[in-house]
Every structure is written in structure tokens, then in C-alpha cells.
Protein backbone atom coordinates (compact mmCIF):
# COMPACT_ATOMS: atom_id res chain seq x y z
CA UNK A 1 51.84 36.04 -4.55
CA UNK A 2 51.29 37.72 -8.20
CA UNK A 3 53.26 36.09 -10.84
CA UNK A 4 53.45 38.77 -13.06
CA UNK A 5 53.91 42.39 -12.95
CA UNK A 6 51.03 44.69 -13.09
CA UNK A 7 50.90 47.82 -15.21
CA UNK A 8 48.15 50.10 -13.25
CA UNK A 9 46.92 49.88 -9.42
CA UNK A 10 43.76 50.92 -10.90
CA UNK A 11 43.05 48.37 -13.19
CA UNK A 12 45.55 45.77 -13.06
CA UNK A 13 46.75 43.53 -15.59
CA UNK A 14 49.94 41.80 -16.58
CA UNK A 15 52.14 42.57 -19.78
CA UNK A 16 49.93 39.89 -21.51
CA UNK A 17 46.76 41.40 -20.64
CA UNK A 18 45.55 38.93 -17.84
CA UNK A 19 43.85 40.09 -15.23
CA UNK A 20 45.31 40.48 -11.23
CA UNK A 21 43.30 38.13 -9.35
CA UNK A 22 41.32 35.63 -12.31
CA UNK A 23 44.52 35.81 -14.36
CA UNK A 24 42.60 35.25 -17.83
CA UNK A 25 43.19 37.05 -20.70
CA UNK A 26 41.49 37.63 -23.97
CA UNK A 27 40.31 34.68 -25.69
CA UNK A 28 40.79 32.30 -23.12
CA UNK A 29 37.07 32.94 -21.30
CA UNK A 30 34.05 32.66 -23.41
CA UNK A 31 31.03 34.87 -23.70
CA UNK A 32 28.59 31.68 -22.10
CA UNK A 33 29.55 30.82 -18.53
CA UNK A 34 28.50 28.99 -15.79
CA UNK A 35 30.37 30.13 -12.79
CA UNK A 36 30.48 27.61 -9.06
CA UNK A 37 32.31 27.99 -5.85
CA UNK A 38 33.60 24.69 -5.60
CA UNK A 39 36.36 23.72 -7.90
CA UNK A 40 35.57 19.95 -7.57
CA UNK A 41 31.84 21.28 -9.14
CA UNK A 42 33.77 22.87 -12.22
CA UNK A 43 35.92 19.70 -13.14
CA UNK A 44 33.15 17.56 -12.24
CA UNK A 45 30.82 19.92 -15.07
CA UNK A 46 33.74 20.31 -17.28
CA UNK A 47 33.55 16.29 -17.53
CA UNK A 48 30.35 17.17 -19.70
CA UNK A 49 31.89 19.38 -22.39
CA UNK A 50 32.63 18.26 -25.85
CA UNK A 51 36.16 19.21 -25.61
CA UNK A 52 38.10 21.07 -23.12
CA UNK A 53 40.64 23.46 -24.75
CA UNK A 54 41.51 25.35 -21.73
CA UNK A 55 42.72 25.23 -17.93
CA UNK A 56 44.28 27.59 -15.65
CA UNK A 57 43.82 28.18 -11.75
CA UNK A 58 45.12 31.40 -10.75
CA UNK A 59 47.18 32.74 -7.44
CA UNK A 60 44.21 33.71 -6.15
CA UNK A 61 42.49 30.76 -6.28
CA UNK A 62 40.32 30.84 -9.45
CA UNK A 63 40.14 28.19 -11.83
CA UNK A 64 39.21 28.83 -15.57
CA UNK A 65 37.80 25.99 -17.51
CA UNK A 66 37.06 26.98 -21.08
CA UNK A 67 35.96 24.29 -23.77
CA UNK A 68 33.31 23.42 -26.42
CA UNK A 69 29.91 22.26 -26.14
CA UNK A 70 27.45 21.67 -29.05
CA UNK A 71 30.23 23.53 -31.39
CA UNK A 72 30.30 26.84 -29.22
CA UNK A 73 32.81 28.31 -26.59
CA UNK A 74 31.86 27.72 -22.81
CA UNK A 75 33.65 28.29 -19.87
CA UNK A 76 33.16 27.34 -16.06
CA UNK A 77 35.19 29.72 -13.65
CA UNK A 78 35.11 28.52 -10.31
CA UNK A 79 35.19 31.71 -7.99
CA UNK A 80 35.04 30.54 -4.23
CA UNK A 81 32.64 31.71 -1.62
CA UNK A 82 31.32 35.40 -0.99
CA UNK A 83 30.49 38.89 -2.71
CA UNK A 84 34.20 39.96 -3.25
CA UNK A 85 34.83 36.64 -5.09
CA UNK A 86 31.91 36.98 -7.30
CA UNK A 87 32.87 40.93 -7.64
CA UNK A 88 36.61 40.07 -9.32
CA UNK A 89 35.42 37.06 -11.30
CA UNK A 90 32.11 39.61 -13.19
CA UNK A 91 34.54 42.67 -13.37
CA UNK A 92 38.00 40.91 -14.48
CA UNK A 93 36.14 38.92 -16.99
CA UNK A 94 34.37 41.59 -18.58
CA UNK A 95 37.73 43.23 -19.00
CA UNK A 96 39.07 40.62 -20.99
CA UNK A 97 35.34 38.63 -23.00
CA UNK A 98 34.36 41.16 -25.62
CA UNK A 99 30.45 41.00 -26.49
CA UNK A 100 27.82 40.25 -24.27
CA UNK A 101 28.49 38.48 -21.48
CA UNK A 102 25.91 35.41 -20.27
CA UNK A 103 26.66 33.61 -17.16
CA UNK A 104 24.95 31.34 -14.75
CA UNK A 105 25.68 30.86 -10.99
CA UNK A 106 25.53 27.23 -10.27
CA UNK A 107 25.53 27.20 -6.67
CA UNK A 108 24.14 25.44 -3.35
CA UNK A 109 21.99 26.81 -1.17
CA UNK A 110 19.78 26.90 2.75
CA UNK A 111 16.61 26.26 0.99
CA UNK A 112 13.64 28.64 3.60
CA UNK A 113 10.77 27.56 1.21
CA UNK A 114 9.20 23.72 0.64
CA UNK A 115 12.08 23.10 -1.12
CA UNK A 116 13.77 19.86 -0.67
CA UNK A 117 17.47 18.78 -0.42
CA UNK A 118 18.88 17.82 -4.43
CA UNK A 119 15.97 19.83 -5.58
CA UNK A 120 16.53 23.17 -7.82
CA UNK A 121 16.17 26.43 -6.74
CA UNK A 122 16.01 29.17 -10.09
CA UNK A 123 16.26 32.68 -8.56
CA UNK A 124 13.75 35.31 -9.93
CA UNK A 125 15.72 37.99 -8.18
CA UNK A 126 17.79 38.36 -5.16
CA UNK A 127 18.45 40.23 -2.47
CA UNK A 128 21.21 41.29 0.10
CA UNK A 129 21.74 40.59 3.42
CA UNK A 130 24.29 42.22 5.20
CA UNK A 131 25.48 42.54 8.95
CA UNK A 132 24.95 45.87 11.00
CA UNK A 133 28.02 46.10 12.13
CA UNK A 134 27.48 49.23 14.16
CA UNK A 135 24.16 47.59 15.67
CA UNK A 136 26.63 45.45 17.65
CA UNK A 137 29.33 48.46 18.84
CA UNK A 138 29.10 49.09 22.61
CA UNK A 139 27.26 51.32 23.51
CA UNK A 140 24.82 50.35 20.13
CA UNK A 141 24.75 52.69 17.07
CA UNK A 142 21.94 52.87 14.92
CA UNK A 143 22.56 56.02 12.96
CA UNK A 144 22.16 53.30 9.97
CA UNK A 145 19.82 50.83 10.96
CA UNK A 146 17.40 50.01 14.16
CA UNK A 147 18.21 46.56 12.97
CA UNK A 148 20.67 44.28 13.51
CA UNK A 149 20.96 43.29 9.96
CA UNK A 150 20.43 45.07 6.66
CA UNK A 151 18.01 43.90 3.56
CA UNK A 152 18.66 45.24 0.79
CA UNK A 153 15.80 45.21 -1.81
CA UNK A 154 15.90 42.87 -4.63
CA UNK A 155 17.48 42.57 -8.07
CA UNK A 156 15.80 40.74 -10.65
CA UNK A 157 17.62 38.27 -12.76
CA UNK A 158 17.56 38.45 -16.71
CA UNK A 159 13.87 36.99 -17.76
CA UNK A 160 14.78 35.12 -20.76
CA UNK A 161 18.01 33.80 -19.62
CA UNK A 162 16.19 32.44 -16.91
CA UNK A 163 13.19 31.06 -18.57
CA UNK A 164 16.25 28.98 -20.32
CA UNK A 165 17.34 28.00 -16.77
CA UNK A 166 14.27 26.63 -15.65
CA UNK A 167 13.09 25.37 -18.50
CA UNK A 168 16.67 23.15 -19.46
CA UNK A 169 16.50 21.51 -15.57
CA UNK A 170 12.76 20.61 -15.66
CA UNK A 171 13.24 18.49 -18.47
CA UNK A 172 16.10 17.12 -16.91
CA UNK A 173 15.38 16.82 -13.25
CA UNK A 174 11.11 17.34 -13.82
CA UNK A 175 9.37 19.79 -12.75
CA UNK A 176 8.29 19.23 -9.10
CA UNK A 177 11.66 19.03 -7.96
CA UNK A 178 12.20 22.93 -9.88
CA UNK A 179 11.11 25.67 -7.70
CA UNK A 180 11.65 29.30 -8.00
CA UNK A 181 11.69 32.64 -6.08
CA UNK A 182 13.56 35.27 -4.82
CA UNK A 183 17.44 34.19 -2.67
CA UNK A 184 18.67 36.17 -0.29
CA UNK A 185 22.79 36.54 -0.83
CA UNK A 186 24.15 36.83 3.07
CA UNK A 187 27.56 38.37 3.44
CA UNK A 188 28.43 35.68 5.74
CA UNK A 189 27.83 31.55 6.16
CA UNK A 190 26.78 31.88 10.16
CA UNK A 191 25.25 34.78 11.57
CA UNK A 192 23.74 36.73 8.61
CA UNK A 193 21.99 33.28 7.11
CA UNK A 194 20.01 32.83 10.91
CA UNK A 195 22.16 30.17 11.73
CA UNK A 196 22.02 29.68 15.71
CA UNK A 197 24.42 28.55 18.48
CA UNK A 198 27.84 29.95 16.84
CA UNK A 199 29.48 30.75 19.76
CA UNK A 200 28.89 34.76 18.92
CA UNK A 201 26.63 37.10 20.03
CA UNK A 202 24.50 37.89 16.05
CA UNK A 203 21.47 38.18 17.53
CA UNK A 204 20.01 36.59 14.49
CA UNK A 205 16.88 34.89 16.10
CA UNK A 206 14.21 36.81 14.34
CA UNK A 207 16.22 37.15 10.89
CA UNK A 208 14.37 33.98 9.19
CA UNK A 209 10.77 35.28 10.03
CA UNK A 210 11.34 38.89 9.32
CA UNK A 211 12.89 37.70 5.49
CA UNK A 212 9.47 36.09 5.23
CA UNK A 213 7.54 39.16 6.35
CA UNK A 214 9.75 41.12 3.86
CA UNK A 215 10.43 38.89 1.25
CA UNK A 216 7.09 37.00 0.52
CA UNK A 217 8.69 34.70 -2.19
CA UNK A 218 11.47 33.83 -0.16
CA UNK A 219 12.73 30.70 -1.41
CA UNK A 220 16.42 30.27 -0.25
CA UNK A 221 19.63 31.43 1.30
CA UNK A 222 23.30 32.00 -0.49
CA UNK A 223 26.13 34.35 -0.75
CA UNK A 224 26.67 35.31 -4.41
CA UNK A 225 23.83 36.06 -6.84
CA UNK A 226 22.65 39.46 -5.25
CA UNK A 227 26.45 40.91 -6.34
CA UNK A 228 25.87 38.99 -10.23
CA UNK A 229 22.87 40.19 -10.68
CA UNK A 230 23.67 43.43 -9.37
CA UNK A 231 27.10 44.25 -11.11
CA UNK A 232 24.60 42.55 -14.57
CA UNK A 233 22.09 45.44 -14.04
CA UNK A 234 24.62 48.30 -14.04
CA UNK A 235 27.16 46.44 -16.88
CA UNK A 236 27.11 49.27 -19.06
CA UNK A 237 28.24 51.95 -17.05
CA UNK A 238 25.55 53.82 -16.80
CA UNK A 239 22.24 53.46 -14.87
CA UNK A 240 19.30 52.49 -16.40
CA UNK A 241 21.08 51.76 -20.01
CA UNK A 242 19.61 49.21 -22.30
CA UNK A 243 20.80 46.94 -23.57
CA UNK A 244 23.01 45.30 -20.61
CA UNK A 245 26.23 43.68 -21.78
CA UNK A 246 25.64 41.30 -18.92
CA UNK A 247 22.82 38.75 -18.68
CA UNK A 248 22.55 36.85 -15.36
CA UNK A 249 20.37 33.82 -13.71
CA UNK A 250 21.17 31.40 -11.07
CA UNK A 251 20.18 27.85 -10.23
CA UNK A 252 20.69 26.27 -6.28
CA UNK A 253 21.10 22.81 -5.67
CA UNK A 254 19.15 22.38 -1.81
CA UNK A 255 22.39 21.27 0.45
CA UNK A 256 20.75 22.28 3.66
CA UNK A 257 17.34 21.97 4.38
CA UNK A 258 16.68 25.01 7.08
CA UNK A 259 13.26 24.37 7.83
CA UNK A 260 13.77 20.95 7.98
CA UNK A 261 17.27 20.34 9.57
CA UNK A 262 18.46 18.22 7.06
CA UNK A 263 22.01 18.29 4.78
CA UNK A 264 22.27 16.45 1.63
CA UNK A 265 24.52 13.54 1.16
CA UNK A 266 27.57 13.45 -0.88
CA UNK A 267 26.45 11.39 -3.03
CA UNK A 268 22.94 12.79 -3.73
CA UNK A 269 24.68 16.20 -4.40
CA UNK A 270 27.13 14.56 -6.76
CA UNK A 271 24.33 13.46 -8.75
CA UNK A 272 22.89 16.97 -8.58
CA UNK A 273 25.91 18.21 -10.19
CA UNK A 274 26.38 15.75 -12.79
CA UNK A 275 21.99 15.42 -13.76
CA UNK A 276 21.97 19.30 -14.47
CA UNK A 277 25.61 19.88 -15.79
CA UNK A 278 24.32 20.26 -19.83
CA UNK A 279 21.18 21.56 -18.67
CA UNK A 280 22.89 24.41 -18.07
CA UNK A 281 25.00 23.97 -20.71
CA UNK A 282 21.93 23.81 -22.83
CA UNK A 283 20.15 26.79 -21.55
CA UNK A 284 23.58 29.03 -22.15
CA UNK A 285 23.52 27.76 -26.24
CA UNK A 286 19.60 28.58 -26.13
CA UNK A 287 20.67 32.14 -25.01
CA UNK A 288 23.34 32.55 -27.60
CA UNK A 289 22.66 30.37 -30.11
CA UNK A 290 25.50 31.32 -32.51
CA UNK A 291 28.94 33.42 -32.27
CA UNK A 292 28.05 36.52 -33.97
CA UNK A 293 28.71 39.16 -32.41
CA UNK A 294 30.50 37.46 -30.02
CA UNK A 295 34.26 37.51 -29.20
CA UNK A 296 36.58 36.83 -32.16
CA UNK A 297 38.02 33.39 -32.38
CA UNK A 298 41.42 35.43 -33.67
CA UNK A 299 44.09 34.38 -30.81
CA UNK A 300 41.42 32.90 -29.02
CA UNK A 301 42.03 29.06 -27.25
CA UNK A 302 38.91 28.21 -29.60
CA UNK A 303 40.66 29.49 -32.70
CA UNK A 304 40.92 26.44 -34.73
CA UNK A 305 38.11 24.66 -32.84
CA UNK A 306 34.99 26.50 -34.82
CA UNK A 307 33.54 24.98 -37.94
């Protein structure tokens, strides 16, 4: 249940200016952000900050940790899984942070390329995969599409931020463990990612083959990046306007090798988070190397911390 009275049904903010789902206000989130799904991943990464200044878990489960890295404010936000959670996070963070945002998603994925468990796939673009609900009606209704799944056109990541991410990770784990390509953002973990034998009629036996035919550089499947890239693309509020107020990139640790049908070990997954944390922080600092033009220090959790 909400902890505070909201002022508006259209743009819910509390009397203190906190957003409804993420529950942060001005000065609690930095312009440099790593977003993850798992809150434990966020806490593990926070150990590599120079200093933690703020931590808050909302009634909807969003965990925000803000601190300093190399003398600059940086936030880690754990959002859970799926398109809606990414939408809540990006829109509500944009409400309370002044200046440009650089957001890197650091998540897990299923590899559909040569990348093995523990490797990292950096997304050059992301495409959406949606279940066509009308296809499964009885009688079948295919006025939207003749296919059981709708595949959306790719949206590009920010080129500069993506280069910073790829270079930093390659420096950390070696170029041979870094892959690049387009990633599929599915609306579910099972049916829309082509997982078989889930006790439901999913009609997804040909889905992975269809994806590879449609997107020649398809490298991975996950559940959030297409929404992140889309919101960054439209972040000015006017289609096509530049500069956009949000830059977005995505790096994914391979947890599931969909080709070889293997899954990462707990030990290897923890190592992957720890070895890449500083690399992602470095990428964000390279992208926004100073506080000029960013959220003002006055009234923020870092107000008395900057040199």
C-alpha cells in the first residue's frame, strides 16, 4: 500500500515530491544510473562504490542506492523484471532528476549466439517480442497478425554510451568474453522466449528460428532493454527531437546458454557481477565526467560530499 497521499492521479507525487512506485524525490537519484533486476545484485555492486549515501526500498519493491564513485554521484536501481517495471523506473526517475540521464541496464540473458555462460553481451539495439493474444482465441482472430508472436523493429542504444560500456567491460574480462548484437526483449520468460514444454499451448516451436531470420545479429533474449531504449528514444517528448534527455545502454551476463542448454552456476554469476561492477561505473563516469549541467547539489544526498 502507498505510504503517502498522492497529489494527482495523472502524475502521482506525494507532498514530499516522492513518486508513487519508485518512491524517490529530487536529490536522491543521480544522473548516472545502473539499473538491475535483482536487488541483491544492486547491493553487491554498491560495495564497489566509494561511499553509499542513500538507500531506499519502495512499497512496490524498487531499491534505490545512491553514492559516490570517483567523487561523482551515481545510483543503482533494482526494478524487478519486465517491461512495466522498466517503464515505471524510467518515467518516475525522469520526473525527479534534472539534466541529462545516462542509464545502463546490467542484467542477465539467454544467449542465442556463440556467447557462453559468464560472457557479456552488449546490446547495439533491442527488439520487442510480444505474444499475439488474438492468435490463441477460439476461433482464431488474426486481424493483428497471422503469427503467434509479434516482432517489433529494433531500437538502437546510444552509440557513445554503448562504446564506453563495451570498452570498459572488455578491459575488465577480456575482449574474447564480450559479444555485441541485437537483443530480444520478450513480454514473458517462457512462451515469448521460445521455451518449450511449459504445460501451455504456446505455439512457439519456430520462434527462435523466426527471430534469427528476421534479425541477423540477434544475440540474446531478455525482458527489459527494448522498453529502456524506446523511452530513451522518445525522451524529449517529441518524436525525433535532439538532443534526447536520456541516453541508454545495456550489458547482459549470459545466465542461460539457449543453444547448448546450460545454466550459469551461482558462483560464476556472483563473480560476473563483481568483476563488471566497476567497469560499468567507469563507463558512466566516462560518459558524464563532471557535474556541469547535471542535477544540482543543493538539497541532494550528495550536497556535502562533492569536492
